Amino acid sequence: MPEPDAQSPQTRLTLRSRLEDLALVVPWLDTLTAKYAIPGDTRFRIDLCLEEAISNIVRHGYGGQPDHAITIDFSIDVRTGLTFTVVDNAPHFAPNEQAEPVPAPQTLEDVTPGGLGIQLMEKFATTLRYEQLPDGNRLTLGFDLAPSKPADA
């Protein structure tokens, strides 16, 4: 698998804190997927996690205020896999101090929005690390290069 170089696709994507900017992630990921032969199911997991992280930053971190910066950096290492680092300047949050894990709903009536973002990212990313920065947050998502096992395995 090739390493990023001057001829490679952009390894950084800068977004504004608007939900509409989520649409910019798809073509960026498409370019990375083509260049680095990222397997389809890995691409799906990356997209799901990035969409969750970015929408949470826009809605909760920035409280819906537009035009704050969000950056996503991509790196690849044939030994450790793919890494996406999301950085914002929103107020700190403590994912480990969030509400208790939400139990699985038993019926459709039990389904309520929210509260599953961290659990979702932990399930679909190979690694997840959160760090408070002096003026914001850094979320690092890692993904293996090999296709993942089925969710039931």
Protein backbone atom coordinates (compact mmCIF):
# COMPACT_ATOMS: atom_id res chain seq x y z
CA MET A 1 0.00 0.00 0.00
CA PRO A 2 1.53 3.36 -0.98
CA GLU A 3 2.53 5.97 1.58
CA PRO A 4 1.10 9.51 1.23
CA ASP A 5 3.33 11.78 -0.88
CA ALA A 6 3.16 15.06 -2.77
CA GLN A 7 1.07 13.45 -5.52
CA SER A 8 -1.38 11.87 -3.08
CA PRO A 9 -4.86 13.14 -2.29
CA GLN A 10 -5.13 15.76 0.41
CA THR A 11 -4.54 14.18 3.80
CA ARG A 12 -6.32 17.04 5.61
CA LEU A 13 -9.91 18.11 5.28
CA THR A 14 -11.05 21.33 6.93
CA LEU A 15 -14.75 21.79 7.61
CA ARG A 16 -16.86 24.53 9.12
CA SER A 17 -19.23 23.73 11.96
CA ARG A 18 -22.27 23.28 9.75
CA LEU A 19 -24.07 19.99 9.21
CA GLU A 20 -24.03 20.74 5.47
CA ASP A 21 -20.24 20.35 5.53
CA LEU A 22 -20.70 16.64 6.26
CA ALA A 23 -21.31 16.34 2.50
CA LEU A 24 -17.63 17.21 1.93
CA VAL A 25 -16.46 14.10 3.78
CA VAL A 26 -17.84 11.61 1.23
CA PRO A 27 -15.86 12.77 -1.83
CA TRP A 28 -12.72 13.15 0.31
CA LEU A 29 -13.12 9.56 1.55
CA ASP A 30 -13.86 8.38 -2.00
CA THR A 31 -10.51 9.81 -3.13
CA LEU A 32 -8.63 8.22 -0.22
CA THR A 33 -10.43 4.90 -0.79
CA ALA A 34 -9.41 4.83 -4.45
CA LYS A 35 -5.81 5.88 -3.82
CA TYR A 36 -5.12 3.51 -0.91
CA ALA A 37 -7.43 0.60 -1.87
CA ILE A 38 -9.41 0.85 1.37
CA PRO A 39 -11.80 -2.12 1.59
CA GLY A 40 -15.52 -1.31 1.28
CA ASP A 41 -16.52 -2.39 4.77
CA THR A 42 -13.63 -0.41 6.29
CA ARG A 43 -14.70 2.61 4.25
CA PHE A 44 -18.24 2.21 5.62
CA ARG A 45 -16.96 2.08 9.23
CA ILE A 46 -14.79 5.17 8.69
CA ASP A 47 -17.68 7.13 7.19
CA LEU A 48 -20.03 6.13 9.99
CA CYS A 49 -17.58 7.14 12.73
CA LEU A 50 -16.59 10.43 11.09
CA GLU A 51 -20.21 11.39 10.50
CA GLU A 52 -21.04 10.66 14.14
CA ALA A 53 -18.02 12.57 15.47
CA ILE A 54 -18.52 15.61 13.24
CA SER A 55 -22.27 15.87 13.80
CA ASN A 56 -21.67 15.67 17.57
CA ILE A 57 -19.07 18.45 17.36
CA VAL A 58 -21.44 20.66 15.36
CA ARG A 59 -24.54 19.98 17.48
CA HIS A 60 -23.08 19.62 20.97
CA GLY A 61 -19.53 21.00 20.93
CA TYR A 62 -20.28 24.17 19.03
CA GLY A 63 -23.98 24.25 19.95
CA GLY A 64 -24.99 24.68 16.32
CA GLN A 65 -22.94 27.88 15.91
CA PRO A 66 -21.67 27.93 12.31
CA ASP A 67 -18.21 28.70 10.97
CA HIS A 68 -15.98 27.20 13.64
CA ALA A 69 -13.16 25.02 12.35
CA ILE A 70 -13.08 21.23 12.38
CA THR A 71 -10.09 19.47 10.84
CA ILE A 72 -9.67 15.83 9.92
CA ASP A 73 -6.18 14.50 9.27
CA PHE A 74 -5.58 11.15 7.58
CA SER A 75 -2.51 8.95 7.85
CA ILE A 76 -1.75 5.40 6.85
CA ASP A 77 0.80 2.93 8.11
CA VAL A 78 0.93 -0.58 6.64
CA ARG A 79 1.67 -1.97 10.12
CA THR A 80 -0.88 -0.09 12.20
CA GLY A 81 -3.60 0.77 9.69
CA LEU A 82 -5.54 3.94 8.96
CA THR A 83 -5.80 6.88 11.35
CA PHE A 84 -8.25 9.77 11.22
CA THR A 85 -7.65 12.58 13.71
CA VAL A 86 -10.50 15.03 14.27
CA VAL A 87 -9.65 18.33 15.99
CA ASP A 88 -11.99 21.11 17.07
CA ASN A 89 -11.91 24.20 19.27
CA ALA A 90 -15.15 23.41 21.09
CA PRO A 91 -15.40 23.26 24.89
CA HIS A 92 -13.95 20.12 26.46
CA PHE A 93 -16.13 17.12 27.04
CA ALA A 94 -15.42 13.91 28.88
CA PRO A 95 -16.71 10.90 26.91
CA ASN A 96 -15.97 8.52 29.78
CA GLU A 97 -18.09 10.62 32.11
CA GLN A 98 -21.12 10.65 29.83
CA ALA A 99 -24.30 8.95 30.90
CA GLU A 100 -24.28 5.21 31.50
CA PRO A 101 -24.39 3.10 28.34
CA VAL A 102 -27.85 3.10 26.88
CA PRO A 103 -29.48 -0.34 27.03
CA ALA A 104 -30.59 -1.88 23.77
CA PRO A 105 -34.25 -1.05 23.12
CA GLN A 106 -36.67 -3.98 23.31
CA THR A 107 -39.30 -2.47 21.00
CA LEU A 108 -39.47 0.35 18.45
CA GLU A 109 -41.32 2.45 21.02
CA ASP A 110 -38.27 2.18 23.31
CA VAL A 111 -35.98 3.80 20.75
CA THR A 112 -34.95 7.36 21.63
CA PRO A 113 -32.40 9.49 19.81
CA GLY A 114 -29.01 10.24 21.33
CA GLY A 115 -26.61 8.72 23.78
CA LEU A 116 -25.11 6.06 21.51
CA GLY A 117 -22.36 7.99 19.68
CA ILE A 118 -19.36 6.87 21.72
CA GLN A 119 -20.64 3.28 21.85
CA LEU A 120 -21.13 3.31 18.08
CA MET A 121 -17.62 4.63 17.41
CA GLU A 122 -16.09 2.13 19.86
CA LYS A 123 -17.85 -0.69 18.02
CA PHE A 124 -16.86 0.33 14.48
CA ALA A 125 -13.37 1.80 14.98
CA THR A 126 -10.44 -0.44 15.85
CA THR A 127 -9.11 2.17 18.26
CA LEU A 128 -10.59 5.35 19.70
CA ARG A 129 -8.69 7.92 21.75
CA TYR A 130 -9.93 11.25 23.06
CA GLU A 131 -7.67 14.04 24.30
CA GLN A 132 -8.43 17.47 25.70
CA LEU A 133 -6.31 20.15 24.06
CA PRO A 134 -5.61 23.54 25.65
CA ASP A 135 -8.26 25.08 23.39
CA GLY A 136 -10.33 22.17 22.12
CA ASN A 137 -10.53 18.43 21.60
CA ARG A 138 -8.77 15.72 19.59
CA LEU A 139 -10.45 12.46 18.67
CA THR A 140 -8.25 9.83 17.03
CA LEU A 141 -9.97 6.95 15.24
CA GLY A 142 -7.95 3.96 14.05
CA PHE A 143 -9.05 1.33 11.54
CA ASP A 144 -7.40 -1.93 10.50
CA LEU A 145 -6.65 -2.34 6.83
CA ALA A 146 -8.14 -5.84 6.71
CA PRO A 147 -11.91 -6.22 6.40
CA SER A 148 -13.59 -6.47 9.79
CA LYS A 149 -15.33 -9.49 11.24
CA PRO A 150 -19.12 -9.55 11.20
CA ALA A 151 -20.69 -7.65 14.12
CA ASP A 152 -22.00 -10.92 15.60
CA ALA A 153 -18.57 -12.57 15.74
